[in-house]
Amino acid sequence: MRCRGEDLVFTKGICLRDEGEHECPLGKSDCDVLRFKLDNGMDMVKGDTYKEEKLNYAKANYNHLREFFSEMDWSVVYQEADIESKYDKFMDAQNTAVERFVPYHRMKTKKKTVV
């Protein structure tokens, strides 16, 4: 099937920066290549460095995590009526355990601001 000049490109809130270019097909393809630049309205600018905190699972206290989950009253989770409620109960317990036994690590990164 040969590509036609009236093929459409649908976008949502993105504008073309300049006119598109029509190029020859790549390799043995029978479809032409259309090349164009998009403007999504977000320009990234490098700013000052800042420290970002991330969980450091390498230094987590896995003995305390294991103990926390072994002492947990799992009947509370099993008694919930639907799977979503069970998931919510489990995630509450998991988040509590992570807050208690997984430390944070500060990472130095470049701050990118949207202009």
PDB file of N, CA and C in Angstrom:
ATOM      1  N   MET A   1       0.837  -1.179   0.000  1.00  0.00           N
ATOM      2  CA  MET A   1       0.000   0.000   0.000  1.00  0.00           C
ATOM      3  C   MET A   1       0.878   1.237   0.000  1.00  0.00           C
ATOM      4  N   ARG A   2       0.605   2.135  -0.858  1.00  0.00           N
ATOM      5  CA  ARG A   2       1.375   3.362  -1.002  1.00  0.00           C
ATOM      6  C   ARG A   2       0.781   4.454  -0.113  1.00  0.00           C
ATOM      7  N   CYS A   3       1.644   5.212   0.592  1.00  0.00           N
ATOM      8  CA  CYS A   3       1.159   6.325   1.422  1.00  0.00           C
ATOM      9  C   CYS A   3       0.658   7.443   0.518  1.00  0.00           C
ATOM     10  N   ARG A   4      -0.372   8.106   0.961  1.00  0.00           N
ATOM     11  CA  ARG A   4      -0.975   9.172   0.160  1.00  0.00           C
ATOM     12  C   ARG A   4      -0.706  10.533   0.795  1.00  0.00           C
ATOM     13  N   GLY A   5      -0.779  11.575   0.013  1.00  0.00           N
ATOM     14  CA  GLY A   5      -0.555  12.929   0.499  1.00  0.00           C
ATOM     15  C   GLY A   5      -1.632  13.413   1.442  1.00  0.00           C
ATOM     16  N   GLU A   6      -2.819  12.791   1.428  1.00  0.00           N
ATOM     17  CA  GLU A   6      -3.907  13.248   2.286  1.00  0.00           C
ATOM     18  C   GLU A   6      -3.993  12.487   3.605  1.00  0.00           C
ATOM     19  N   ASP A   7      -2.953  11.698   3.974  1.00  0.00           N
ATOM     20  CA  ASP A   7      -2.946  11.039   5.276  1.00  0.00           C
ATOM     21  C   ASP A   7      -2.950  12.100   6.366  1.00  0.00           C
ATOM     22  N   LEU A   8      -3.607  11.816   7.472  1.00  0.00           N
ATOM     23  CA  LEU A   8      -3.751  12.780   8.560  1.00  0.00           C
ATOM     24  C   LEU A   8      -2.883  12.408   9.741  1.00  0.00           C
ATOM     25  N   VAL A   9      -2.412  13.417  10.462  1.00  0.00           N
ATOM     26  CA  VAL A   9      -1.714  13.233  11.721  1.00  0.00           C
ATOM     27  C   VAL A   9      -2.549  13.941  12.774  1.00  0.00           C
ATOM     28  N   PHE A  10      -3.060  13.181  13.743  1.00  0.00           N
ATOM     29  CA  PHE A  10      -3.876  13.756  14.804  1.00  0.00           C
ATOM     30  C   PHE A  10      -2.996  14.065  16.005  1.00  0.00           C
ATOM     31  N   THR A  11      -3.138  15.244  16.571  1.00  0.00           N
ATOM     32  CA  THR A  11      -2.410  15.631  17.770  1.00  0.00           C
ATOM     33  C   THR A  11      -3.377  16.271  18.752  1.00  0.00           C
ATOM     34  N   LYS A  12      -2.940  16.350  19.991  1.00  0.00           N
ATOM     35  CA  LYS A  12      -3.766  16.990  21.014  1.00  0.00           C
ATOM     36  C   LYS A  12      -2.939  18.093  21.675  1.00  0.00           C
ATOM     37  N   GLY A  13      -3.201  19.311  21.298  1.00  0.00           N
ATOM     38  CA  GLY A  13      -2.536  20.440  21.921  1.00  0.00           C
ATOM     39  C   GLY A  13      -1.078  20.620  21.526  1.00  0.00           C
ATOM     40  N   ILE A  14      -0.630  20.017  20.462  1.00  0.00           N
ATOM     41  CA  ILE A  14       0.747  20.170  20.024  1.00  0.00           C
ATOM     42  C   ILE A  14       0.731  20.796  18.639  1.00  0.00           C
ATOM     43  N   CYS A  15       1.556  21.803  18.438  1.00  0.00           N
ATOM     44  CA  CYS A  15       1.586  22.515  17.167  1.00  0.00           C
ATOM     45  C   CYS A  15       2.890  22.223  16.439  1.00  0.00           C
ATOM     46  N   LEU A  16       2.836  22.289  15.130  1.00  0.00           N
ATOM     47  CA  LEU A  16       4.040  22.143  14.325  1.00  0.00           C
ATOM     48  C   LEU A  16       4.866  23.415  14.420  1.00  0.00           C
ATOM     49  N   ARG A  17       6.184  23.281  14.589  1.00  0.00           N
ATOM     50  CA  ARG A  17       7.057  24.449  14.662  1.00  0.00           C
ATOM     51  C   ARG A  17       7.274  25.057  13.284  1.00  0.00           C
ATOM     52  N   ASP A  18       7.518  24.236  12.295  1.00  0.00           N
ATOM     53  CA  ASP A  18       7.687  24.725  10.936  1.00  0.00           C
ATOM     54  C   ASP A  18       7.113  23.688   9.981  1.00  0.00           C
ATOM     55  N   GLU A  19       7.215  23.970   8.715  1.00  0.00           N
ATOM     56  CA  GLU A  19       6.657  23.084   7.702  1.00  0.00           C
ATOM     57  C   GLU A  19       7.328  21.712   7.771  1.00  0.00           C
ATOM     58  N   GLY A  20       6.554  20.683   7.519  1.00  0.00           N
ATOM     59  CA  GLY A  20       7.097  19.339   7.487  1.00  0.00           C
ATOM     60  C   GLY A  20       7.882  19.079   6.213  1.00  0.00           C
ATOM     61  N   GLU A  21       8.746  18.080   6.268  1.00  0.00           N
ATOM     62  CA  GLU A  21       9.547  17.709   5.106  1.00  0.00           C
ATOM     63  C   GLU A  21       9.097  16.350   4.604  1.00  0.00           C
ATOM     64  N   HIS A  22       8.980  16.213   3.312  1.00  0.00           N
ATOM     65  CA  HIS A  22       8.604  14.957   2.683  1.00  0.00           C
ATOM     66  C   HIS A  22       9.877  14.311   2.155  1.00  0.00           C
ATOM     67  N   GLU A  23      10.198  13.094   2.642  1.00  0.00           N
ATOM     68  CA  GLU A  23      11.437  12.436   2.248  1.00  0.00           C
ATOM     69  C   GLU A  23      11.146  11.090   1.589  1.00  0.00           C
ATOM     70  N   CYS A  24      12.169  10.538   1.007  1.00  0.00           N
ATOM     71  CA  CYS A  24      12.059   9.225   0.344  1.00  0.00           C
ATOM     72  C   CYS A  24      11.868   8.132   1.381  1.00  0.00           C
ATOM     73  N   PRO A  25      11.327   6.994   0.972  1.00  0.00           N
ATOM     74  CA  PRO A  25      11.147   5.867   1.892  1.00  0.00           C
ATOM     75  C   PRO A  25      12.482   5.364   2.430  1.00  0.00           C
ATOM     76  N   LEU A  26      12.450   4.795   3.622  1.00  0.00           N
ATOM     77  CA  LEU A  26      13.637   4.194   4.210  1.00  0.00           C
ATOM     78  C   LEU A  26      13.748   2.746   3.763  1.00  0.00           C
ATOM     79  N   GLY A  27      14.912   2.340   3.350  1.00  0.00           N
ATOM     80  CA  GLY A  27      15.152   0.953   2.977  1.00  0.00           C
ATOM     81  C   GLY A  27      14.206   0.472   1.903  1.00  0.00           C
ATOM     82  N   LYS A  28      13.573  -0.679   2.137  1.00  0.00           N
ATOM     83  CA  LYS A  28      12.669  -1.280   1.162  1.00  0.00           C
ATOM     84  C   LYS A  28      11.201  -0.982   1.469  1.00  0.00           C
ATOM     85  N   SER A  29      10.973  -0.017   2.370  1.00  0.00           N
ATOM     86  CA  SER A  29       9.612   0.349   2.730  1.00  0.00           C
ATOM     87  C   SER A  29       8.928   1.036   1.554  1.00  0.00           C
ATOM     88  N   ASP A  30       7.612   0.864   1.453  1.00  0.00           N
ATOM     89  CA  ASP A  30       6.886   1.546   0.383  1.00  0.00           C
ATOM     90  C   ASP A  30       6.174   2.795   0.889  1.00  0.00           C
ATOM     91  N   CYS A  31       6.410   3.172   2.163  1.00  0.00           N
ATOM     92  CA  CYS A  31       5.796   4.385   2.722  1.00  0.00           C
ATOM     93  C   CYS A  31       6.827   5.497   2.800  1.00  0.00           C
ATOM     94  N   ASP A  32       6.415   6.676   2.402  1.00  0.00           N
ATOM     95  CA  ASP A  32       7.307   7.832   2.457  1.00  0.00           C
ATOM     96  C   ASP A  32       7.502   8.274   3.900  1.00  0.00           C
ATOM     97  N   VAL A  33       8.587   9.007   4.151  1.00  0.00           N
ATOM     98  CA  VAL A  33       8.905   9.526   5.480  1.00  0.00           C
ATOM     99  C   VAL A  33       8.482  10.983   5.539  1.00  0.00           C
ATOM    100  N   LEU A  34       7.747  11.327   6.589  1.00  0.00           N
ATOM    101  CA  LEU A  34       7.401  12.726   6.865  1.00  0.00           C
ATOM    102  C   LEU A  34       8.172  13.152   8.105  1.00  0.00           C
ATOM    103  N   ARG A  35       8.914  14.237   8.000  1.00  0.00           N
ATOM    104  CA  ARG A  35       9.711  14.711   9.132  1.00  0.00           C
ATOM    105  C   ARG A  35       9.207  16.097   9.501  1.00  0.00           C
ATOM    106  N   PHE A  36       8.930  16.296  10.816  1.00  0.00           N
ATOM    107  CA  PHE A  36       8.475  17.595  11.283  1.00  0.00           C
ATOM    108  C   PHE A  36       8.841  17.773  12.732  1.00  0.00           C
ATOM    109  N   LYS A  37       8.925  19.025  13.162  1.00  0.00           N
ATOM    110  CA  LYS A  37       9.232  19.358  14.550  1.00  0.00           C
ATOM    111  C   LYS A  37       7.948  19.759  15.244  1.00  0.00           C
ATOM    112  N   LEU A  38       7.769  19.253  16.470  1.00  0.00           N
ATOM    113  CA  LEU A  38       6.582  19.567  17.258  1.00  0.00           C
ATOM    114  C   LEU A  38       6.926  20.547  18.362  1.00  0.00           C
ATOM    115  N   ASP A  39       5.980  21.383  18.687  1.00  0.00           N
ATOM    116  CA  ASP A  39       6.112  22.303  19.809  1.00  0.00           C
ATOM    117  C   ASP A  39       5.076  21.902  20.841  1.00  0.00           C
ATOM    118  N   ASN A  40       5.531  21.318  21.955  1.00  0.00           N
ATOM    119  CA  ASN A  40       4.595  20.884  22.986  1.00  0.00           C
ATOM    120  C   ASN A  40       4.380  21.932  24.064  1.00  0.00           C
ATOM    121  N   GLY A  41       5.005  23.099  23.912  1.00  0.00           N
ATOM    122  CA  GLY A  41       4.791  24.190  24.850  1.00  0.00           C
ATOM    123  C   GLY A  41       5.611  24.097  26.115  1.00  0.00           C
ATOM    124  N   MET A  42       6.510  23.127  26.221  1.00  0.00           N
ATOM    125  CA  MET A  42       7.323  22.955  27.424  1.00  0.00           C
ATOM    126  C   MET A  42       8.790  22.982  27.039  1.00  0.00           C
ATOM    127  N   ASP A  43       9.498  24.007  27.447  1.00  0.00           N
ATOM    128  CA  ASP A  43      10.933  24.092  27.223  1.00  0.00           C
ATOM    129  C   ASP A  43      11.632  23.824  28.544  1.00  0.00           C
ATOM    130  N   MET A  44      12.572  22.892  28.540  1.00  0.00           N
ATOM    131  CA  MET A  44      13.295  22.536  29.752  1.00  0.00           C
ATOM    132  C   MET A  44      14.543  23.402  29.861  1.00  0.00           C
ATOM    133  N   VAL A  45      14.717  24.024  31.017  1.00  0.00           N
ATOM    134  CA  VAL A  45      15.865  24.882  31.262  1.00  0.00           C
ATOM    135  C   VAL A  45      16.609  24.324  32.459  1.00  0.00           C
ATOM    136  N   LYS A  46      17.929  24.189  32.333  1.00  0.00           N
ATOM    137  CA  LYS A  46      18.728  23.707  33.454  1.00  0.00           C
ATOM    138  C   LYS A  46      18.863  24.817  34.481  1.00  0.00           C
ATOM    139  N   GLY A  47      18.668  24.459  35.730  1.00  0.00           N
ATOM    140  CA  GLY A  47      18.761  25.441  36.796  1.00  0.00           C
ATOM    141  C   GLY A  47      19.795  25.011  37.821  1.00  0.00           C
ATOM    142  N   ASP A  48      19.626  25.447  39.037  1.00  0.00           N
ATOM    143  CA  ASP A  48      20.545  25.109  40.117  1.00  0.00           C
ATOM    144  C   ASP A  48      20.421  23.639  40.484  1.00  0.00           C
ATOM    145  N   THR A  49      21.466  23.141  41.132  1.00  0.00           N
ATOM    146  CA  THR A  49      21.401  21.768  41.618  1.00  0.00           C
ATOM    147  C   THR A  49      20.575  21.749  42.894  1.00  0.00           C
ATOM    148  N   TYR A  50      19.942  20.662  43.144  1.00  0.00           N
ATOM    149  CA  TYR A  50      19.186  20.493  44.370  1.00  0.00           C
ATOM    150  C   TYR A  50      19.267  19.042  44.777  1.00  0.00           C
ATOM    151  N   LYS A  51      18.857  18.769  45.971  1.00  0.00           N
ATOM    152  CA  LYS A  51      18.941  17.409  46.485  1.00  0.00           C
ATOM    153  C   LYS A  51      17.569  16.766  46.456  1.00  0.00           C
ATOM    154  N   GLU A  52      17.518  15.610  45.872  1.00  0.00           N
ATOM    155  CA  GLU A  52      16.273  14.866  45.764  1.00  0.00           C
ATOM    156  C   GLU A  52      16.374  13.634  46.655  1.00  0.00           C
ATOM    157  N   GLU A  53      15.348  13.372  47.433  1.00  0.00           N
ATOM    158  CA  GLU A  53      15.352  12.208  48.318  1.00  0.00           C
ATOM    159  C   GLU A  53      14.682  11.021  47.646  1.00  0.00           C
ATOM    160  N   LYS A  54      15.329   9.866  47.758  1.00  0.00           N
ATOM    161  CA  LYS A  54      14.769   8.623  47.243  1.00  0.00           C
ATOM    162  C   LYS A  54      14.951   7.555  48.295  1.00  0.00           C
ATOM    163  N   LEU A  55      14.078   6.569  48.282  1.00  0.00           N
ATOM    164  CA  LEU A  55      14.204   5.464  49.218  1.00  0.00           C
ATOM    165  C   LEU A  55      15.433   4.635  48.871  1.00  0.00           C
ATOM    166  N   ASN A  56      16.183   4.260  49.898  1.00  0.00           N
ATOM    167  CA  ASN A  56      17.400   3.479  49.711  1.00  0.00           C
ATOM    168  C   ASN A  56      17.151   2.054  50.219  1.00  0.00           C
ATOM    169  N   TYR A  57      16.631   1.202  49.342  1.00  0.00           N
ATOM    170  CA  TYR A  57      16.302  -0.167  49.726  1.00  0.00           C
ATOM    171  C   TYR A  57      17.554  -1.000  50.019  1.00  0.00           C
ATOM    172  N   ALA A  58      18.717  -0.562  49.532  1.00  0.00           N
ATOM    173  CA  ALA A  58      19.956  -1.295  49.812  1.00  0.00           C
ATOM    174  C   ALA A  58      20.307  -1.234  51.294  1.00  0.00           C
ATOM    175  N   LYS A  59      19.877  -0.174  51.986  1.00  0.00           N
ATOM    176  CA  LYS A  59      20.177  -0.032  53.409  1.00  0.00           C
ATOM    177  C   LYS A  59      18.943  -0.257  54.287  1.00  0.00           C
ATOM    178  N   ALA A  60      17.919  -0.872  53.743  1.00  0.00           N
ATOM    179  CA  ALA A  60      16.709  -1.147  54.521  1.00  0.00           C
ATOM    180  C   ALA A  60      16.993  -2.194  55.582  1.00  0.00           C
ATOM    181  N   ASN A  61      16.263  -2.125  56.669  1.00  0.00           N
ATOM    182  CA  ASN A  61      16.392  -3.117  57.740  1.00  0.00           C
ATOM    183  C   ASN A  61      15.398  -4.247  57.463  1.00  0.00           C
ATOM    184  N   TYR A  62      15.866  -5.248  56.711  1.00  0.00           N
ATOM    185  CA  TYR A  62      14.979  -6.324  56.265  1.00  0.00           C
ATOM    186  C   TYR A  62      14.559  -7.238  57.408  1.00  0.00           C
ATOM    187  N   ASN A  63      15.361  -7.335  58.464  1.00  0.00           N
ATOM    188  CA  ASN A  63      14.944  -8.132  59.628  1.00  0.00           C
ATOM    189  C   ASN A  63      13.722  -7.509  60.290  1.00  0.00           C
ATOM    190  N   HIS A  64      13.745  -6.186  60.438  1.00  0.00           N
ATOM    191  CA  HIS A  64      12.590  -5.505  61.025  1.00  0.00           C
ATOM    192  C   HIS A  64      11.376  -5.560  60.094  1.00  0.00           C
ATOM    193  N   LEU A  65      11.602  -5.459  58.783  1.00  0.00           N
ATOM    194  CA  LEU A  65      10.488  -5.589  57.830  1.00  0.00           C
ATOM    195  C   LEU A  65       9.850  -6.973  57.948  1.00  0.00           C
ATOM    196  N   ARG A  66      10.688  -7.995  57.987  1.00  0.00           N
ATOM    197  CA  ARG A  66      10.189  -9.365  58.107  1.00  0.00           C
ATOM    198  C   ARG A  66       9.392  -9.535  59.408  1.00  0.00           C
ATOM    199  N   GLU A  67       9.924  -8.997  60.488  1.00  0.00           N
ATOM    200  CA  GLU A  67       9.248  -9.075  61.781  1.00  0.00           C
ATOM    201  C   GLU A  67       7.919  -8.314  61.766  1.00  0.00           C
ATOM    202  N   PHE A  68       7.920  -7.133  61.151  1.00  0.00           N
ATOM    203  CA  PHE A  68       6.707  -6.321  61.053  1.00  0.00           C
ATOM    204  C   PHE A  68       5.592  -7.098  60.359  1.00  0.00           C
ATOM    205  N   PHE A  69       5.906  -7.717  59.223  1.00  0.00           N
ATOM    206  CA  PHE A  69       4.882  -8.436  58.468  1.00  0.00           C
ATOM    207  C   PHE A  69       4.491  -9.760  59.127  1.00  0.00           C
ATOM    208  N   SER A  70       5.405 -10.392  59.861  1.00  0.00           N
ATOM    209  CA  SER A  70       5.039 -11.642  60.545  1.00  0.00           C
ATOM    210  C   SER A  70       4.135 -11.371  61.748  1.00  0.00           C
ATOM    211  N   GLU A  71       4.258 -10.191  62.355  1.00  0.00           N
ATOM    212  CA  GLU A  71       3.411  -9.834  63.498  1.00  0.00           C
ATOM    213  C   GLU A  71       2.114  -9.140  63.089  1.00  0.00           C
ATOM    214  N   MET A  72       1.955  -8.878  61.815  1.00  0.00           N
ATOM    215  CA  MET A  72       0.757  -8.188  61.340  1.00  0.00           C
ATOM    216  C   MET A  72      -0.465  -9.095  61.448  1.00  0.00           C
ATOM    217  N   ASP A  73      -1.591  -8.511  61.817  1.00  0.00           N
ATOM    218  CA  ASP A  73      -2.852  -9.250  61.908  1.00  0.00           C
ATOM    219  C   ASP A  73      -3.457  -9.331  60.507  1.00  0.00           C
ATOM    220  N   TRP A  74      -3.157 -10.406  59.792  1.00  0.00           N
ATOM    221  CA  TRP A  74      -3.597 -10.562  58.415  1.00  0.00           C
ATOM    222  C   TRP A  74      -5.102 -10.807  58.305  1.00  0.00           C
ATOM    223  N   SER A  75      -5.761 -11.178  59.395  1.00  0.00           N
ATOM    224  CA  SER A  75      -7.208 -11.403  59.341  1.00  0.00           C
ATOM    225  C   SER A  75      -7.947 -10.114  59.001  1.00  0.00           C
ATOM    226  N   VAL A  76      -7.369  -8.975  59.357  1.00  0.00           N
ATOM    227  CA  VAL A  76      -7.971  -7.679  59.014  1.00  0.00           C
ATOM    228  C   VAL A  76      -8.043  -7.531  57.494  1.00  0.00           C
ATOM    229  N   VAL A  77      -6.995  -7.971  56.809  1.00  0.00           N
ATOM    230  CA  VAL A  77      -6.970  -7.885  55.348  1.00  0.00           C
ATOM    231  C   VAL A  77      -7.957  -8.879  54.753  1.00  0.00           C
ATOM    232  N   TYR A  78      -7.964 -10.113  55.271  1.00  0.00           N
ATOM    233  CA  TYR A  78      -8.829 -11.163  54.725  1.00  0.00           C
ATOM    234  C   TYR A  78     -10.315 -10.886  54.948  1.00  0.00           C
ATOM    235  N   GLN A  79     -10.667 -10.131  55.975  1.00  0.00           N
ATOM    236  CA  GLN A  79     -12.070  -9.870  56.289  1.00  0.00           C
ATOM    237  C   GLN A  79     -12.714  -8.825  55.386  1.00  0.00           C
ATOM    238  N   GLU A  80     -11.917  -8.104  54.649  1.00  0.00           N
ATOM    239  CA  GLU A  80     -12.475  -7.091  53.746  1.00  0.00           C
ATOM    240  C   GLU A  80     -13.322  -7.771  52.672  1.00  0.00           C
ATOM    241  N   ALA A  81     -14.380  -7.087  52.245  1.00  0.00           N
ATOM    242  CA  ALA A  81     -15.344  -7.681  51.312  1.00  0.00           C
ATOM    243  C   ALA A  81     -14.820  -7.789  49.887  1.00  0.00           C
ATOM    244  N   ASP A  82     -14.220  -6.721  49.386  1.00  0.00           N
ATOM    245  CA  ASP A  82     -13.791  -6.754  47.980  1.00  0.00           C
ATOM    246  C   ASP A  82     -12.271  -6.649  47.868  1.00  0.00           C
ATOM    247  N   ILE A  83     -11.765  -6.964  46.714  1.00  0.00           N
ATOM    248  CA  ILE A  83     -10.320  -7.012  46.490  1.00  0.00           C
ATOM    249  C   ILE A  83      -9.672  -5.642  46.604  1.00  0.00           C
ATOM    250  N   GLU A  84     -10.392  -4.594  46.217  1.00  0.00           N
ATOM    251  CA  GLU A  84      -9.833  -3.249  46.305  1.00  0.00           C
ATOM    252  C   GLU A  84      -9.604  -2.849  47.758  1.00  0.00           C
ATOM    253  N   SER A  85     -10.513  -3.190  48.632  1.00  0.00           N
ATOM    254  CA  SER A  85     -10.351  -2.892  50.061  1.00  0.00           C
ATOM    255  C   SER A  85      -9.193  -3.688  50.648  1.00  0.00           C
ATOM    256  N   LYS A  86      -9.057  -4.940  50.226  1.00  0.00           N
ATOM    257  CA  LYS A  86      -7.933  -5.755  50.680  1.00  0.00           C
ATOM    258  C   LYS A  86      -6.611  -5.143  50.230  1.00  0.00           C
ATOM    259  N   TYR A  87      -6.577  -4.708  48.980  1.00  0.00           N
ATOM    260  CA  TYR A  87      -5.375  -4.072  48.452  1.00  0.00           C
ATOM    261  C   TYR A  87      -5.040  -2.810  49.238  1.00  0.00           C
ATOM    262  N   ASP A  88      -6.048  -1.987  49.527  1.00  0.00           N
ATOM    263  CA  ASP A  88      -5.823  -0.754  50.288  1.00  0.00           C
ATOM    264  C   ASP A  88      -5.252  -1.047  51.669  1.00  0.00           C
ATOM    265  N   LYS A  89      -5.795  -2.053  52.361  1.00  0.00           N
ATOM    266  CA  LYS A  89      -5.288  -2.440  53.691  1.00  0.00           C
ATOM    267  C   LYS A  89      -3.838  -2.892  53.600  1.00  0.00           C
ATOM    268  N   PHE A  90      -3.540  -3.726  52.585  1.00  0.00           N
ATOM    269  CA  PHE A  90      -2.173  -4.200  52.424  1.00  0.00           C
ATOM    270  C   PHE A  90      -1.222  -3.049  52.130  1.00  0.00           C
ATOM    271  N   MET A  91      -1.624  -2.135  51.250  1.00  0.00           N
ATOM    272  CA  MET A  91      -0.762  -1.011  50.904  1.00  0.00           C
ATOM    273  C   MET A  91      -0.541  -0.079  52.091  1.00  0.00           C
ATOM    274  N   ASP A  92      -1.544   0.081  52.950  1.00  0.00           N
ATOM    275  CA  ASP A  92      -1.359   0.872  54.168  1.00  0.00           C
ATOM    276  C   ASP A  92      -0.270   0.250  55.040  1.00  0.00           C
ATOM    277  N   ALA A  93      -0.332  -1.067  55.202  1.00  0.00           N
ATOM    278  CA  ALA A  93       0.676  -1.764  55.998  1.00  0.00           C
ATOM    279  C   ALA A  93       2.054  -1.671  55.349  1.00  0.00           C
ATOM    280  N   GLN A  94       2.106  -1.853  54.050  1.00  0.00           N
ATOM    281  CA  GLN A  94       3.370  -1.805  53.333  1.00  0.00           C
ATOM    282  C   GLN A  94       3.989  -0.413  53.418  1.00  0.00           C
ATOM    283  N   ASN A  95       3.192   0.624  53.262  1.00  0.00           N
ATOM    284  CA  ASN A  95       3.695   2.000  53.349  1.00  0.00           C
ATOM    285  C   ASN A  95       4.192   2.314  54.756  1.00  0.00           C
ATOM    286  N   THR A  96       3.486   1.825  55.767  1.00  0.00           N
ATOM    287  CA  THR A  96       3.923   2.020  57.150  1.00  0.00           C
ATOM    288  C   THR A  96       5.271   1.354  57.379  1.00  0.00           C
ATOM    289  N   ALA A  97       5.432   0.135  56.881  1.00  0.00           N
ATOM    290  CA  ALA A  97       6.688  -0.589  57.049  1.00  0.00           C
ATOM    291  C   ALA A  97       7.831   0.126  56.338  1.00  0.00           C
ATOM    292  N   VAL A  98       7.585   0.611  55.149  1.00  0.00           N
ATOM    293  CA  VAL A  98       8.628   1.320  54.394  1.00  0.00           C
ATOM    294  C   VAL A  98       9.016   2.601  55.118  1.00  0.00           C
ATOM    295  N   GLU A  99       8.043   3.341  55.630  1.00  0.00           N
ATOM    296  CA  GLU A  99       8.341   4.573  56.365  1.00  0.00           C
ATOM    297  C   GLU A  99       9.226   4.302  57.572  1.00  0.00           C
ATOM    298  N   ARG A 100       8.996   3.186  58.251  1.00  0.00           N
ATOM    299  CA  ARG A 100       9.733   2.868  59.467  1.00  0.00           C
ATOM    300  C   ARG A 100      11.123   2.289  59.206  1.00  0.00           C
ATOM    301  N   PHE A 101      11.262   1.444  58.185  1.00  0.00           N
ATOM    302  CA  PHE A 101      12.470   0.632  58.076  1.00  0.00           C
ATOM    303  C   PHE A 101      13.297   0.833  56.812  1.00  0.00           C
ATOM    304  N   VAL A 102      12.892   1.746  55.946  1.00  0.00           N
ATOM    305  CA  VAL A 102      13.683   2.021  54.741  1.00  0.00           C
ATOM    306  C   VAL A 102      14.126   3.482  54.795  1.00  0.00           C
ATOM    307  N   PRO A 103      15.447   3.714  54.860  1.00  0.00           N
ATOM    308  CA  PRO A 103      15.922   5.091  54.961  1.00  0.00           C
ATOM    309  C   PRO A 103      15.893   5.803  53.600  1.00  0.00           C
ATOM    310  N   TYR A 104      16.010   7.110  53.671  1.00  0.00           N
ATOM    311  CA  TYR A 104      16.095   7.931  52.464  1.00  0.00           C
ATOM    312  C   TYR A 104      17.552   8.217  52.129  1.00  0.00           C
ATOM    313  N   HIS A 105      17.790   8.406  50.851  1.00  0.00           N
ATOM    314  CA  HIS A 105      19.112   8.766  50.354  1.00  0.00           C
ATOM    315  C   HIS A 105      18.958  10.054  49.552  1.00  0.00           C
ATOM    316  N   ARG A 106      19.798  11.028  49.828  1.00  0.00           N
ATOM    317  CA  ARG A 106      19.728  12.288  49.091  1.00  0.00           C
ATOM    318  C   ARG A 106      20.607  12.195  47.857  1.00  0.00           C
ATOM    319  N   MET A 107      19.999  12.468  46.717  1.00  0.00           N
ATOM    320  CA  MET A 107      20.723  12.419  45.445  1.00  0.00           C
ATOM    321  C   MET A 107      20.877  13.829  44.923  1.00  0.00           C
ATOM    322  N   LYS A 108      22.059  14.157  44.468  1.00  0.00           N
ATOM    323  CA  LYS A 108      22.299  15.467  43.883  1.00  0.00           C
ATOM    324  C   LYS A 108      21.993  15.382  42.400  1.00  0.00           C
ATOM    325  N   THR A 109      21.059  16.202  41.942  1.00  0.00           N
ATOM    326  CA  THR A 109      20.664  16.187  40.537  1.00  0.00           C
ATOM    327  C   THR A 109      20.571  17.612  40.030  1.00  0.00           C
ATOM    328  N   LYS A 110      20.472  17.725  38.737  1.00  0.00           N
ATOM    329  CA  LYS A 110      20.244  19.032  38.119  1.00  0.00           C
ATOM    330  C   LYS A 110      18.770  19.324  38.095  1.00  0.00           C
ATOM    331  N   LYS A 111      18.393  20.491  38.549  1.00  0.00           N
ATOM    332  CA  LYS A 111      16.994  20.887  38.555  1.00  0.00           C
ATOM    333  C   LYS A 111      16.604  21.362  37.164  1.00  0.00           C
ATOM    334  N   LYS A 112      15.495  20.865  36.678  1.00  0.00           N
ATOM    335  CA  LYS A 112      14.979  21.305  35.389  1.00  0.00           C
ATOM    336  C   LYS A 112      13.654  22.016  35.628  1.00  0.00           C
ATOM    337  N   THR A 113      13.579  23.224  35.168  1.00  0.00           N
ATOM    338  CA  THR A 113      12.353  23.991  35.339  1.00  0.00           C
ATOM    339  C   THR A 113      11.662  24.133  33.990  1.00  0.00           C
ATOM    340  N   VAL A 114      10.362  24.113  34.035  1.00  0.00           N
ATOM    341  CA  VAL A 114       9.569  24.256  32.815  1.00  0.00           C
ATOM    342  C   VAL A 114       9.266  25.725  32.604  1.00  0.00           C
ATOM    343  N   VAL A 115       9.569  26.199  31.412  1.00  0.00           N
ATOM    344  CA  VAL A 115       9.331  27.616  31.078  1.00  0.00           C
ATOM    345  C   VAL A 115       8.146  27.722  30.165  1.00  0.00           C
TER     346      VAL A 115
END
